[in-house]
């Protein structure tokens, strides 16, 4: 049973200023959104492209700054952290991006990609770093011989496993997975989904899973928030969303989402 909120988003609004025809205008990407993620659960954000899901994840990871609202991590506002807390926060929240072809540095070997976060954020010995790298490779289904190879030498599914390994190397409390399977073939999607589910169990991870595909979410998530035009219009346990959707948009999303067979 989930008891405590690891993450709370309160009345969050994120705007982008754009220039068009020599005049500026403002787009509201996230509009007064509130939700919470309980420690140890998989919470999914679902909605069509452009609804604000990725912007919301970028606000949580401090890649964009909100116009208003609060984001609380373990009860503390992430925009009011002291120096020590600011340094620790990136270690506690890591992200897996949608496209494994662009999220890995093509000029770096896999061993260096996995070691870099440890070099920057820890003072571990060389042996300790190697032990952590070996552990995360085993957990993500990768072999040790991949360390001397480059990203272009791997398939899309293998690259996404590498991206997941990199996100886990610092042992985060919250893993944000932003459309992590949408760029992969259906059979590979199922493998990555099963991997995330297993990692959640093994590491007692809390996961924010972002997707437009409710069939994937149905298999993976404990609770779901449905986003539409920057707002969360419906939120409930996954089984309830699928059995008794309240909003017409949710019903349409359920009917239109492509299916993924997970074994």
C-alpha atoms as a PDB file:
ATOM      1  CA  UNK A   1       0.000   0.000   0.000  1.00  0.00           C
ATOM      2  CA  UNK A   2       1.276   3.451  -0.896  1.00  0.00           C
ATOM      3  CA  UNK A   3       1.237   5.879   1.995  1.00  0.00           C
ATOM      4  CA  UNK A   4       3.317   8.991   1.438  1.00  0.00           C
ATOM      5  CA  UNK A   5       3.520  11.354  -1.502  1.00  0.00           C
ATOM      6  CA  UNK A   6       6.995  11.456  -3.005  1.00  0.00           C
ATOM      7  CA  UNK A   7       6.031  14.209  -5.448  1.00  0.00           C
ATOM      8  CA  UNK A   8       3.260  16.802  -5.301  1.00  0.00           C
ATOM      9  CA  UNK A   9       2.466  19.248  -8.086  1.00  0.00           C
ATOM     10  CA  UNK A  10       0.240  22.120  -6.968  1.00  0.00           C
ATOM     11  CA  UNK A  11      -1.489  24.555  -9.330  1.00  0.00           C
ATOM     12  CA  UNK A  12       1.405  24.485 -11.775  1.00  0.00           C
ATOM     13  CA  UNK A  13       1.347  26.756 -14.824  1.00  0.00           C
ATOM     14  CA  UNK A  14       4.079  26.822 -17.476  1.00  0.00           C
ATOM     15  CA  UNK A  15       4.082  29.325 -20.335  1.00  0.00           C
ATOM     16  CA  UNK A  16       6.223  29.723 -23.432  1.00  0.00           C
ATOM     17  CA  UNK A  17       6.796  33.029 -25.181  1.00  0.00           C
ATOM     18  CA  UNK A  18       7.067  32.802 -28.948  1.00  0.00           C
ATOM     19  CA  UNK A  19       7.697  35.223 -31.784  1.00  0.00           C
ATOM     20  CA  UNK A  20       5.467  35.154 -34.855  1.00  0.00           C
ATOM     21  CA  UNK A  21       5.173  37.793 -37.556  1.00  0.00           C
ATOM     22  CA  UNK A  22       7.284  40.242 -35.549  1.00  0.00           C
ATOM     23  CA  UNK A  23       4.986  40.058 -32.552  1.00  0.00           C
ATOM     24  CA  UNK A  24       5.277  37.991 -29.375  1.00  0.00           C
ATOM     25  CA  UNK A  25       2.584  35.782 -27.962  1.00  0.00           C
ATOM     26  CA  UNK A  26       2.315  33.426 -25.013  1.00  0.00           C
ATOM     27  CA  UNK A  27       1.326  29.773 -25.120  1.00  0.00           C
ATOM     28  CA  UNK A  28       0.160  28.101 -21.916  1.00  0.00           C
ATOM     29  CA  UNK A  29       1.565  24.569 -22.085  1.00  0.00           C
ATOM     30  CA  UNK A  30       0.593  23.526 -18.545  1.00  0.00           C
ATOM     31  CA  UNK A  31      -2.482  25.189 -17.063  1.00  0.00           C
ATOM     32  CA  UNK A  32      -3.047  25.096 -13.276  1.00  0.00           C
ATOM     33  CA  UNK A  33      -2.191  21.378 -12.929  1.00  0.00           C
ATOM     34  CA  UNK A  34      -2.263  19.559  -9.594  1.00  0.00           C
ATOM     35  CA  UNK A  35      -1.518  15.898  -8.884  1.00  0.00           C
ATOM     36  CA  UNK A  36       0.595  13.734  -6.600  1.00  0.00           C
ATOM     37  CA  UNK A  37       2.678  10.590  -6.974  1.00  0.00           C
ATOM     38  CA  UNK A  38       2.824   8.225  -4.048  1.00  0.00           C
ATOM     39  CA  UNK A  39       6.070   6.625  -2.982  1.00  0.00           C
ATOM     40  CA  UNK A  40       6.530   3.306  -4.785  1.00  0.00           C
ATOM     41  CA  UNK A  41       3.806   3.608  -7.420  1.00  0.00           C
ATOM     42  CA  UNK A  42       3.762   4.022 -11.177  1.00  0.00           C
ATOM     43  CA  UNK A  43       1.754   7.104 -12.071  1.00  0.00           C
ATOM     44  CA  UNK A  44       0.984   7.654 -15.746  1.00  0.00           C
ATOM     45  CA  UNK A  45       0.220  10.858 -17.605  1.00  0.00           C
ATOM     46  CA  UNK A  46      -1.710  10.171 -20.800  1.00  0.00           C
ATOM     47  CA  UNK A  47      -2.810  12.414 -23.636  1.00  0.00           C
ATOM     48  CA  UNK A  48      -2.218  13.316 -27.241  1.00  0.00           C
ATOM     49  CA  UNK A  49       0.917  15.054 -28.488  1.00  0.00           C
ATOM     50  CA  UNK A  50       1.049  18.708 -27.483  1.00  0.00           C
ATOM     51  CA  UNK A  51      -1.169  18.380 -24.419  1.00  0.00           C
ATOM     52  CA  UNK A  52       1.607  19.413 -22.011  1.00  0.00           C
ATOM     53  CA  UNK A  53       2.881  16.070 -20.714  1.00  0.00           C
ATOM     54  CA  UNK A  54       6.539  16.595 -21.645  1.00  0.00           C
ATOM     55  CA  UNK A  55       6.530  20.210 -20.473  1.00  0.00           C
ATOM     56  CA  UNK A  56       5.273  19.021 -17.111  1.00  0.00           C
ATOM     57  CA  UNK A  57       8.124  16.512 -16.867  1.00  0.00           C
ATOM     58  CA  UNK A  58      10.621  19.237 -17.792  1.00  0.00           C
ATOM     59  CA  UNK A  59       9.295  21.417 -14.977  1.00  0.00           C
ATOM     60  CA  UNK A  60       9.748  18.557 -12.512  1.00  0.00           C
ATOM     61  CA  UNK A  61      13.352  18.113 -13.663  1.00  0.00           C
ATOM     62  CA  UNK A  62      13.932  21.901 -13.635  1.00  0.00           C
ATOM     63  CA  UNK A  63      14.549  22.051 -17.380  1.00  0.00           C
ATOM     64  CA  UNK A  64      11.862  24.726 -17.599  1.00  0.00           C
ATOM     65  CA  UNK A  65      10.725  27.167 -14.926  1.00  0.00           C
ATOM     66  CA  UNK A  66       7.001  27.481 -14.179  1.00  0.00           C
ATOM     67  CA  UNK A  67       5.134  30.772 -14.185  1.00  0.00           C
ATOM     68  CA  UNK A  68       3.332  29.816 -10.974  1.00  0.00           C
ATOM     69  CA  UNK A  69       2.564  26.919  -8.675  1.00  0.00           C
ATOM     70  CA  UNK A  70       4.659  24.545  -6.594  1.00  0.00           C
ATOM     71  CA  UNK A  71       6.464  21.255  -7.045  1.00  0.00           C
ATOM     72  CA  UNK A  72       7.113  19.470  -3.757  1.00  0.00           C
ATOM     73  CA  UNK A  73       9.575  16.586  -3.546  1.00  0.00           C
ATOM     74  CA  UNK A  74       9.488  14.760  -0.226  1.00  0.00           C
ATOM     75  CA  UNK A  75       7.483  17.695   1.090  1.00  0.00           C
ATOM     76  CA  UNK A  76       9.899  20.463   0.031  1.00  0.00           C
ATOM     77  CA  UNK A  77       9.464  22.954  -2.788  1.00  0.00           C
ATOM     78  CA  UNK A  78      12.151  22.180  -5.387  1.00  0.00           C
ATOM     79  CA  UNK A  79      12.439  25.879  -6.255  1.00  0.00           C
ATOM     80  CA  UNK A  80      13.169  26.843  -2.639  1.00  0.00           C
ATOM     81  CA  UNK A  81      15.921  24.315  -1.903  1.00  0.00           C
ATOM     82  CA  UNK A  82      19.142  25.235  -0.136  1.00  0.00           C
ATOM     83  CA  UNK A  83      22.525  24.519  -1.692  1.00  0.00           C
ATOM     84  CA  UNK A  84      22.822  20.950  -0.426  1.00  0.00           C
ATOM     85  CA  UNK A  85      19.256  20.103  -1.427  1.00  0.00           C
ATOM     86  CA  UNK A  86      19.782  21.563  -4.911  1.00  0.00           C
ATOM     87  CA  UNK A  87      22.791  19.293  -5.410  1.00  0.00           C
ATOM     88  CA  UNK A  88      20.949  16.198  -4.186  1.00  0.00           C
ATOM     89  CA  UNK A  89      17.768  16.738  -6.177  1.00  0.00           C
ATOM     90  CA  UNK A  90      19.175  15.798  -9.629  1.00  0.00           C
ATOM     91  CA  UNK A  91      20.449  12.552  -8.109  1.00  0.00           C
ATOM     92  CA  UNK A  92      16.968  11.733  -6.800  1.00  0.00           C
ATOM     93  CA  UNK A  93      15.072  12.456 -10.040  1.00  0.00           C
ATOM     94  CA  UNK A  94      16.275  11.035 -13.343  1.00  0.00           C
ATOM     95  CA  UNK A  95      14.698  10.940 -16.789  1.00  0.00           C
ATOM     96  CA  UNK A  96      14.523   8.539 -19.726  1.00  0.00           C
ATOM     97  CA  UNK A  97      13.761  10.366 -22.956  1.00  0.00           C
ATOM     98  CA  UNK A  98      11.638   9.301 -25.903  1.00  0.00           C
ATOM     99  CA  UNK A  99      14.245   8.841 -28.610  1.00  0.00           C
ATOM    100  CA  UNK A 100      17.174   6.555 -27.768  1.00  0.00           C
ATOM    101  CA  UNK A 101      18.886   7.611 -31.001  1.00  0.00           C
ATOM    102  CA  UNK A 102      19.328  11.216 -29.875  1.00  0.00           C
ATOM    103  CA  UNK A 103      19.548  10.906 -26.086  1.00  0.00           C
ATOM    104  CA  UNK A 104      22.988   9.265 -26.066  1.00  0.00           C
ATOM    105  CA  UNK A 105      26.203  11.057 -27.049  1.00  0.00           C
ATOM    106  CA  UNK A 106      27.363   9.332 -30.280  1.00  0.00           C
ATOM    107  CA  UNK A 107      31.005  10.223 -29.573  1.00  0.00           C
ATOM    108  CA  UNK A 108      31.126   8.480 -26.196  1.00  0.00           C
ATOM    109  CA  UNK A 109      31.555   4.792 -25.469  1.00  0.00           C
ATOM    110  CA  UNK A 110      28.871   3.175 -23.337  1.00  0.00           C
ATOM    111  CA  UNK A 111      31.283   2.744 -20.444  1.00  0.00           C
ATOM    112  CA  UNK A 112      31.964   6.488 -20.415  1.00  0.00           C
ATOM    113  CA  UNK A 113      28.257   7.304 -20.748  1.00  0.00           C
ATOM    114  CA  UNK A 114      27.490   5.255 -17.651  1.00  0.00           C
ATOM    115  CA  UNK A 115      30.524   6.423 -15.697  1.00  0.00           C
ATOM    116  CA  UNK A 116      30.061  10.149 -16.350  1.00  0.00           C
ATOM    117  CA  UNK A 117      27.207  10.672 -13.822  1.00  0.00           C
ATOM    118  CA  UNK A 118      29.292   8.921 -11.168  1.00  0.00           C
ATOM    119  CA  UNK A 119      32.368  11.026 -11.999  1.00  0.00           C
ATOM    120  CA  UNK A 120      30.372  14.250 -11.703  1.00  0.00           C
ATOM    121  CA  UNK A 121      28.241  13.472  -8.676  1.00  0.00           C
ATOM    122  CA  UNK A 122      30.240  11.072  -6.488  1.00  0.00           C
ATOM    123  CA  UNK A 123      33.697  10.470  -5.080  1.00  0.00           C
ATOM    124  CA  UNK A 124      33.493   6.715  -5.448  1.00  0.00           C
ATOM    125  CA  UNK A 125      36.606   4.686  -6.143  1.00  0.00           C
ATOM    126  CA  UNK A 126      37.229   3.238  -9.597  1.00  0.00           C
ATOM    127  CA  UNK A 127      36.302  -0.227  -8.347  1.00  0.00           C
ATOM    128  CA  UNK A 128      33.072   1.018  -6.779  1.00  0.00           C
ATOM    129  CA  UNK A 129      32.072   2.762  -9.998  1.00  0.00           C
ATOM    130  CA  UNK A 130      32.743  -0.360 -12.033  1.00  0.00           C
ATOM    131  CA  UNK A 131      30.693  -2.466  -9.594  1.00  0.00           C
ATOM    132  CA  UNK A 132      27.721  -0.090  -9.959  1.00  0.00           C
ATOM    133  CA  UNK A 133      28.030  -0.091 -13.744  1.00  0.00           C
ATOM    134  CA  UNK A 134      28.162  -3.884 -13.818  1.00  0.00           C
ATOM    135  CA  UNK A 135      25.103  -4.089 -11.564  1.00  0.00           C
ATOM    136  CA  UNK A 136      23.010  -1.721 -13.663  1.00  0.00           C
ATOM    137  CA  UNK A 137      24.001  -3.525 -16.861  1.00  0.00           C
ATOM    138  CA  UNK A 138      22.788  -6.811 -15.384  1.00  0.00           C
ATOM    139  CA  UNK A 139      19.538  -5.210 -14.232  1.00  0.00           C
ATOM    140  CA  UNK A 140      18.802  -3.786 -17.668  1.00  0.00           C
ATOM    141  CA  UNK A 141      19.698  -6.930 -19.602  1.00  0.00           C
ATOM    142  CA  UNK A 142      22.984  -5.706 -21.087  1.00  0.00           C
ATOM    143  CA  UNK A 143      26.326  -7.484 -21.200  1.00  0.00           C
ATOM    144  CA  UNK A 144      29.641  -6.170 -19.939  1.00  0.00           C
ATOM    145  CA  UNK A 145      31.171  -6.242 -23.421  1.00  0.00           C
ATOM    146  CA  UNK A 146      28.981  -3.318 -24.486  1.00  0.00           C
ATOM    147  CA  UNK A 147      31.144  -0.884 -22.487  1.00  0.00           C
ATOM    148  CA  UNK A 148      33.743  -0.471 -25.248  1.00  0.00           C
ATOM    149  CA  UNK A 149      31.185   0.100 -27.985  1.00  0.00           C
ATOM    150  CA  UNK A 150      29.427   3.241 -29.271  1.00  0.00           C
ATOM    151  CA  UNK A 151      25.665   3.949 -29.360  1.00  0.00           C
ATOM    152  CA  UNK A 152      25.408   3.519 -33.137  1.00  0.00           C
ATOM    153  CA  UNK A 153      26.476  -0.119 -32.739  1.00  0.00           C
ATOM    154  CA  UNK A 154      23.253  -0.997 -30.920  1.00  0.00           C
ATOM    155  CA  UNK A 155      19.606  -1.427 -31.878  1.00  0.00           C
ATOM    156  CA  UNK A 156      16.945   1.009 -30.730  1.00  0.00           C
ATOM    157  CA  UNK A 157      15.812  -1.282 -27.937  1.00  0.00           C
ATOM    158  CA  UNK A 158      19.376  -1.786 -26.715  1.00  0.00           C
ATOM    159  CA  UNK A 159      19.970   1.965 -26.763  1.00  0.00           C
ATOM    160  CA  UNK A 160      16.890   2.527 -24.650  1.00  0.00           C
ATOM    161  CA  UNK A 161      18.171  -0.059 -22.175  1.00  0.00           C
ATOM    162  CA  UNK A 162      21.434   1.906 -22.046  1.00  0.00           C
ATOM    163  CA  UNK A 163      19.491   5.137 -21.463  1.00  0.00           C
ATOM    164  CA  UNK A 164      17.587   3.451 -18.620  1.00  0.00           C
ATOM    165  CA  UNK A 165      20.855   2.159 -17.161  1.00  0.00           C
ATOM    166  CA  UNK A 166      22.301   5.672 -17.240  1.00  0.00           C
ATOM    167  CA  UNK A 167      19.211   7.043 -15.479  1.00  0.00           C
ATOM    168  CA  UNK A 168      19.473   4.384 -12.760  1.00  0.00           C
ATOM    169  CA  UNK A 169      23.230   4.621 -12.131  1.00  0.00           C
ATOM    170  CA  UNK A 170      22.756   7.262  -9.409  1.00  0.00           C
ATOM    171  CA  UNK A 171      19.990   5.226  -7.733  1.00  0.00           C
ATOM    172  CA  UNK A 172      17.196   7.808  -8.096  1.00  0.00           C
ATOM    173  CA  UNK A 173      13.983   7.741  -6.073  1.00  0.00           C
ATOM    174  CA  UNK A 174      11.850   8.980  -8.985  1.00  0.00           C
ATOM    175  CA  UNK A 175      12.293   7.853 -12.589  1.00  0.00           C
ATOM    176  CA  UNK A 176      10.530   9.899 -15.257  1.00  0.00           C
ATOM    177  CA  UNK A 177       9.959   7.940 -18.468  1.00  0.00           C
ATOM    178  CA  UNK A 178       8.834  10.317 -21.233  1.00  0.00           C
ATOM    179  CA  UNK A 179       7.335   8.239 -24.076  1.00  0.00           C
ATOM    180  CA  UNK A 180      10.176   5.704 -23.666  1.00  0.00           C
ATOM    181  CA  UNK A 181       8.732   3.122 -26.077  1.00  0.00           C
ATOM    182  CA  UNK A 182       6.989   5.182 -28.765  1.00  0.00           C
ATOM    183  CA  UNK A 183      10.046   5.191 -31.065  1.00  0.00           C
ATOM    184  CA  UNK A 184      10.469   1.397 -30.850  1.00  0.00           C
ATOM    185  CA  UNK A 185       8.953  -1.562 -32.683  1.00  0.00           C
ATOM    186  CA  UNK A 186       5.995  -3.223 -30.970  1.00  0.00           C
ATOM    187  CA  UNK A 187       7.875  -6.345 -29.868  1.00  0.00           C
ATOM    188  CA  UNK A 188      10.697  -4.229 -28.442  1.00  0.00           C
ATOM    189  CA  UNK A 189       8.168  -1.958 -26.724  1.00  0.00           C
ATOM    190  CA  UNK A 190       6.884  -4.956 -24.776  1.00  0.00           C
ATOM    191  CA  UNK A 191      10.402  -5.826 -23.627  1.00  0.00           C
ATOM    192  CA  UNK A 192      11.087  -2.300 -22.352  1.00  0.00           C
ATOM    193  CA  UNK A 193       7.706  -2.108 -20.612  1.00  0.00           C
ATOM    194  CA  UNK A 194       8.385  -5.400 -18.837  1.00  0.00           C
ATOM    195  CA  UNK A 195      11.854  -4.174 -17.919  1.00  0.00           C
ATOM    196  CA  UNK A 196      10.442  -1.015 -16.295  1.00  0.00           C
ATOM    197  CA  UNK A 197       7.935  -3.061 -14.352  1.00  0.00           C
ATOM    198  CA  UNK A 198      10.666  -5.405 -13.097  1.00  0.00           C
ATOM    199  CA  UNK A 199      12.987  -2.511 -12.197  1.00  0.00           C
ATOM    200  CA  UNK A 200      10.202  -0.862 -10.229  1.00  0.00           C
ATOM    201  CA  UNK A 201       9.864  -4.037  -8.175  1.00  0.00           C
ATOM    202  CA  UNK A 202      13.588  -4.696  -7.732  1.00  0.00           C
ATOM    203  CA  UNK A 203      14.591  -1.144  -6.849  1.00  0.00           C
ATOM    204  CA  UNK A 204      11.329  -0.051  -5.197  1.00  0.00           C
ATOM    205  CA  UNK A 205      11.256   2.763  -7.735  1.00  0.00           C
ATOM    206  CA  UNK A 206       8.613   5.418  -8.104  1.00  0.00           C
ATOM    207  CA  UNK A 207       7.918   6.056 -11.786  1.00  0.00           C
ATOM    208  CA  UNK A 208       6.198   8.856 -13.674  1.00  0.00           C
ATOM    209  CA  UNK A 209       5.339   7.242 -17.004  1.00  0.00           C
ATOM    210  CA  UNK A 210       4.322   9.549 -19.848  1.00  0.00           C
ATOM    211  CA  UNK A 211       2.545   8.138 -22.878  1.00  0.00           C
ATOM    212  CA  UNK A 212      -0.229   8.685 -25.406  1.00  0.00           C
ATOM    213  CA  UNK A 213      -0.924   4.925 -25.448  1.00  0.00           C
ATOM    214  CA  UNK A 214      -3.434   3.863 -22.821  1.00  0.00           C
ATOM    215  CA  UNK A 215      -2.970   0.176 -23.643  1.00  0.00           C
ATOM    216  CA  UNK A 216       0.624   0.411 -22.453  1.00  0.00           C
ATOM    217  CA  UNK A 217      -0.494   2.358 -19.408  1.00  0.00           C
ATOM    218  CA  UNK A 218      -3.172  -0.216 -18.597  1.00  0.00           C
ATOM    219  CA  UNK A 219      -0.513  -2.880 -18.182  1.00  0.00           C
ATOM    220  CA  UNK A 220       2.022  -0.739 -16.347  1.00  0.00           C
ATOM    221  CA  UNK A 221       0.458   1.984 -14.219  1.00  0.00           C
ATOM    222  CA  UNK A 222      -1.228   2.059 -10.816  1.00  0.00           C
ATOM    223  CA  UNK A 223      -2.956   5.405 -11.385  1.00  0.00           C
ATOM    224  CA  UNK A 224      -3.545   7.605 -14.424  1.00  0.00           C
ATOM    225  CA  UNK A 225      -3.978  11.309 -15.063  1.00  0.00           C
ATOM    226  CA  UNK A 226      -5.506  12.270 -18.425  1.00  0.00           C
ATOM    227  CA  UNK A 227      -4.152  15.526 -19.886  1.00  0.00           C
ATOM    228  CA  UNK A 228      -5.924  17.657 -22.472  1.00  0.00           C
ATOM    229  CA  UNK A 229      -4.905  21.146 -23.576  1.00  0.00           C
ATOM    230  CA  UNK A 230      -2.573  21.644 -20.636  1.00  0.00           C
ATOM    231  CA  UNK A 231      -4.982  20.442 -17.943  1.00  0.00           C
ATOM    232  CA  UNK A 232      -5.536  17.162 -16.112  1.00  0.00           C
ATOM    233  CA  UNK A 233      -9.194  16.532 -16.907  1.00  0.00           C
ATOM    234  CA  UNK A 234      -9.531  13.134 -15.231  1.00  0.00           C
ATOM    235  CA  UNK A 235      -7.559  11.119 -12.688  1.00  0.00           C
ATOM    236  CA  UNK A 236      -8.172   7.742 -11.107  1.00  0.00           C
ATOM    237  CA  UNK A 237      -6.877   4.235 -10.548  1.00  0.00           C
ATOM    238  CA  UNK A 238      -6.003   2.552 -13.839  1.00  0.00           C
ATOM    239  CA  UNK A 239      -8.719  -0.110 -13.601  1.00  0.00           C
ATOM    240  CA  UNK A 240     -11.355   2.540 -12.934  1.00  0.00           C
ATOM    241  CA  UNK A 241     -10.230   4.742 -15.836  1.00  0.00           C
ATOM    242  CA  UNK A 242     -10.559   1.804 -18.207  1.00  0.00           C
ATOM    243  CA  UNK A 243     -13.849   0.523 -16.828  1.00  0.00           C
ATOM    244  CA  UNK A 244     -15.610   3.801 -16.121  1.00  0.00           C
ATOM    245  CA  UNK A 245     -14.080   6.760 -17.999  1.00  0.00           C
ATOM    246  CA  UNK A 246     -15.885   9.941 -17.040  1.00  0.00           C
ATOM    247  CA  UNK A 247     -14.756  12.243 -19.838  1.00  0.00           C
ATOM    248  CA  UNK A 248     -15.601  11.833 -23.516  1.00  0.00           C
ATOM    249  CA  UNK A 249     -11.981  12.603 -24.398  1.00  0.00           C
ATOM    250  CA  UNK A 250     -10.801   9.718 -22.201  1.00  0.00           C
ATOM    251  CA  UNK A 251     -13.172   7.345 -23.970  1.00  0.00           C
ATOM    252  CA  UNK A 252     -11.928   8.500 -27.352  1.00  0.00           C
ATOM    253  CA  UNK A 253      -8.331   8.048 -26.230  1.00  0.00           C
ATOM    254  CA  UNK A 254      -9.104   4.523 -25.053  1.00  0.00           C
ATOM    255  CA  UNK A 255     -10.648   3.629 -28.394  1.00  0.00           C
ATOM    256  CA  UNK A 256      -7.937   5.162 -30.558  1.00  0.00           C
ATOM    257  CA  UNK A 257      -4.737   4.096 -28.761  1.00  0.00           C
ATOM    258  CA  UNK A 258      -2.640   1.489 -30.619  1.00  0.00           C
ATOM    259  CA  UNK A 259      -2.254  -1.753 -28.711  1.00  0.00           C
ATOM    260  CA  UNK A 260       0.923  -3.417 -27.504  1.00  0.00           C
ATOM    261  CA  UNK A 261       0.939  -7.109 -26.651  1.00  0.00           C
ATOM    262  CA  UNK A 262       2.919  -7.710 -23.469  1.00  0.00           C
ATOM    263  CA  UNK A 263       3.823 -11.256 -22.521  1.00  0.00           C
END
